[in-house]
Amino acid sequence: MIISNFFSVKIWYAIYVKSRTEKKVASELQFLGIEHYLPLIKRLKQWSDRKKWVEEPLFRSYIFVRIEEKDYYTVLHIPAVVKYVTFEKKAVPVPAQQIEAIHYFLNEKEPEIVDEKNWAKGQKVEIISGSMSGLIGTLVEFKGKRRVNIEIEAIGKSLLIQVPKNRLRVIKY
């Protein structure tokens, strides 16, 4: 008996899809019964005549799928799916902890007011609390008195995230 066929193991992968088709692919995955995660973030868009809050993908052109080996090609046959994120021609699994961290990050509440600290653009900072604890990034922009934007590396791309100052510490070299 072959044990690997006896147990079905679902693993998270990142797939690359055609531009602006993320929600369409997510609907198709839902229809096929394939577990997926499309992290969305609300952004205020401004046109010449109005402003509107719009939900956009956090990672443009990427969706996460949790599949068994038998569903690998089912995902690729969806018309707008381009490929799996690969390394040396093999799909790279995404640790479940990273998926959970993204999910928790998007659902966190506004922090309490914190004391002003001396911060400078370009400094290396570490997230010291919350679901993304331990991640290291570069301070890019100030967002009021309580939050900053930092740039971190994730799935081979730079990601700009907004973090409360009270959850960061400056890394000194």
Protein backbone atom coordinates (compact mmCIF):
# COMPACT_ATOMS: atom_id res chain seq x y z
CA MET A 1 0.00 0.00 0.00
CA ILE A 2 1.29 3.47 -0.87
CA ILE A 3 0.81 5.70 2.16
CA SER A 4 1.09 9.03 0.28
CA ASN A 5 -2.05 8.22 -1.74
CA PHE A 6 -3.92 7.07 1.36
CA PHE A 7 -3.78 10.45 3.11
CA SER A 8 -4.91 13.60 1.35
CA VAL A 9 -2.80 16.57 2.39
CA LYS A 10 -3.86 20.09 1.47
CA ILE A 11 -1.09 22.64 0.99
CA TRP A 12 -1.27 26.40 0.39
CA TYR A 13 0.21 27.76 -2.86
CA ALA A 14 0.24 31.20 -4.46
CA ILE A 15 -1.03 31.42 -8.03
CA TYR A 16 -0.37 34.23 -10.48
CA VAL A 17 -3.42 35.39 -12.45
CA LYS A 18 -4.00 37.85 -15.28
CA SER A 19 -4.23 41.48 -14.23
CA ARG A 20 -7.57 42.56 -12.72
CA THR A 21 -9.06 39.03 -12.80
CA GLU A 22 -8.49 38.16 -9.14
CA LYS A 23 -12.17 38.30 -8.11
CA LYS A 24 -13.26 36.41 -11.23
CA VAL A 25 -10.74 33.62 -10.55
CA ALA A 26 -11.82 33.52 -6.89
CA SER A 27 -15.44 33.02 -8.04
CA GLU A 28 -14.36 30.21 -10.36
CA LEU A 29 -12.38 28.54 -7.56
CA GLN A 30 -15.46 28.83 -5.32
CA PHE A 31 -17.61 27.22 -8.03
CA LEU A 32 -15.10 24.34 -8.35
CA GLY A 33 -15.06 23.85 -4.58
CA ILE A 34 -11.37 24.70 -4.24
CA GLU A 35 -10.33 26.37 -1.00
CA HIS A 36 -8.78 29.76 -1.69
CA TYR A 37 -7.94 33.09 -0.07
CA LEU A 38 -8.02 36.45 -1.83
CA PRO A 39 -6.94 39.09 0.71
CA LEU A 40 -8.84 42.30 0.01
CA ILE A 41 -8.20 45.78 1.37
CA LYS A 42 -10.50 48.82 1.22
CA ARG A 43 -9.06 51.89 -0.46
CA LEU A 44 -10.58 55.29 -1.12
CA LYS A 45 -10.58 55.94 -4.88
CA GLN A 46 -11.10 59.41 -6.26
CA TRP A 47 -12.46 60.25 -9.67
CA SER A 48 -13.06 63.73 -11.05
CA ASP A 49 -16.70 63.73 -9.86
CA ARG A 50 -16.74 61.48 -6.76
CA LYS A 51 -14.92 59.44 -4.14
CA LYS A 52 -15.70 55.81 -3.41
CA TRP A 53 -14.40 53.07 -1.10
CA VAL A 54 -13.36 50.07 -3.22
CA GLU A 55 -12.17 46.61 -2.19
CA GLU A 56 -8.95 45.73 -4.02
CA PRO A 57 -6.63 42.74 -3.75
CA LEU A 58 -3.81 43.22 -1.25
CA PHE A 59 -1.47 41.39 -3.67
CA ARG A 60 -2.36 42.36 -7.24
CA SER A 61 -2.50 39.35 -9.60
CA TYR A 62 -2.06 36.80 -6.79
CA ILE A 63 -4.48 34.41 -5.08
CA PHE A 64 -3.71 31.71 -2.53
CA VAL A 65 -5.13 28.21 -3.02
CA ARG A 66 -5.13 25.27 -0.59
CA ILE A 67 -5.18 22.11 -2.64
CA GLU A 68 -4.37 18.44 -2.72
CA GLU A 69 -1.97 17.14 -5.35
CA LYS A 70 -4.88 15.90 -7.51
CA ASP A 71 -6.22 19.49 -7.90
CA TYR A 72 -2.94 20.97 -9.15
CA TYR A 73 -3.94 20.98 -12.84
CA THR A 74 -7.59 21.82 -12.15
CA VAL A 75 -6.43 25.23 -10.92
CA LEU A 76 -4.18 25.75 -13.96
CA HIS A 77 -7.09 25.07 -16.33
CA ILE A 78 -9.00 28.13 -15.10
CA PRO A 79 -8.68 30.56 -18.05
CA ALA A 80 -7.23 33.58 -16.18
CA VAL A 81 -4.72 31.55 -14.12
CA VAL A 82 -1.23 32.04 -15.54
CA LYS A 83 0.94 29.86 -13.29
CA TYR A 84 1.89 28.84 -9.78
CA VAL A 85 4.58 30.84 -8.01
CA THR A 86 7.61 28.60 -8.52
CA PHE A 87 11.23 28.19 -7.61
CA GLU A 88 13.39 26.01 -9.85
CA LYS A 89 10.28 24.98 -11.79
CA LYS A 90 8.45 23.64 -8.70
CA ALA A 91 5.43 25.26 -7.07
CA VAL A 92 6.48 26.79 -3.76
CA PRO A 93 4.26 25.96 -0.76
CA VAL A 94 3.17 28.94 1.33
CA PRO A 95 3.28 28.19 5.08
CA ALA A 96 -0.17 28.24 6.68
CA GLN A 97 1.21 30.65 9.31
CA GLN A 98 1.81 33.28 6.60
CA ILE A 99 -1.77 32.94 5.36
CA GLU A 100 -3.04 33.29 8.93
CA ALA A 101 -0.78 36.31 9.52
CA ILE A 102 -2.19 38.09 6.46
CA HIS A 103 -5.74 37.27 7.56
CA TYR A 104 -5.18 38.59 11.10
CA PHE A 105 -3.35 41.67 9.83
CA LEU A 106 -6.32 42.66 7.68
CA ASN A 107 -8.76 42.21 10.59
CA GLU A 108 -6.87 44.09 13.32
CA LYS A 109 -8.49 46.99 15.18
CA GLU A 110 -7.17 50.57 15.42
CA PRO A 111 -4.52 50.86 18.20
CA GLU A 112 -4.59 53.08 21.23
CA ILE A 113 -2.79 56.45 21.16
CA VAL A 114 0.97 56.08 21.68
CA ASP A 115 3.78 58.45 22.62
CA GLU A 116 5.72 60.12 19.82
CA LYS A 117 9.08 58.52 19.08
CA ASN A 118 11.94 59.64 16.88
CA TRP A 119 11.49 57.85 13.58
CA ALA A 120 13.29 58.40 10.27
CA LYS A 121 12.46 57.23 6.79
CA GLY A 122 14.72 54.41 5.61
CA GLN A 123 15.25 52.96 9.10
CA LYS A 124 15.04 49.20 9.54
CA VAL A 125 12.23 48.26 11.94
CA GLU A 126 10.94 45.01 13.43
CA ILE A 127 7.31 44.24 14.20
CA ILE A 128 7.34 43.25 17.89
CA SER A 129 3.69 42.37 18.52
CA GLY A 130 0.61 41.22 16.68
CA SER A 131 0.17 38.55 14.07
CA MET A 132 3.17 39.69 12.01
CA SER A 133 5.56 39.72 14.94
CA GLY A 134 9.16 39.10 13.93
CA LEU A 135 8.92 40.54 10.41
CA ILE A 136 11.56 43.11 9.49
CA GLY A 137 10.98 45.97 7.10
CA THR A 138 12.02 49.47 6.10
CA LEU A 139 10.14 52.56 7.26
CA VAL A 140 8.80 54.29 4.15
CA GLU A 141 6.16 56.84 5.15
CA PHE A 142 4.45 58.41 8.16
CA LYS A 143 0.64 58.07 8.40
CA GLY A 144 -0.36 60.50 11.11
CA LYS A 145 0.93 60.26 14.67
CA ARG A 146 0.11 56.61 15.36
CA ARG A 147 0.90 54.66 12.19
CA VAL A 148 3.67 54.23 9.62
CA ASN A 149 3.99 52.42 6.32
CA ILE A 150 6.76 49.87 6.14
CA GLU A 151 8.02 47.81 3.23
CA ILE A 152 8.57 44.07 3.74
CA GLU A 153 9.45 41.21 1.42
CA ALA A 154 6.71 38.59 0.92
CA ILE A 155 6.28 35.89 -1.75
CA GLY A 156 9.18 37.37 -3.67
CA LYS A 157 7.62 40.85 -3.87
CA SER A 158 7.81 44.04 -1.84
CA LEU A 159 4.71 44.68 0.21
CA LEU A 160 3.78 48.04 1.70
CA ILE A 161 1.89 47.63 4.98
CA GLN A 162 0.59 50.10 7.55
CA VAL A 163 1.58 49.31 11.13
CA PRO A 164 0.92 51.06 14.47
CA LYS A 165 4.10 52.63 15.87
CA ASN A 166 3.58 50.90 19.21
CA ARG A 167 4.11 47.54 17.50
CA LEU A 168 7.52 48.44 16.09
CA ARG A 169 11.06 48.82 17.32
CA VAL A 170 13.94 50.42 15.44
CA ILE A 171 16.77 48.01 14.61
CA LYS A 172 20.20 49.49 15.30
CA TYR A 173 23.23 48.02 13.54
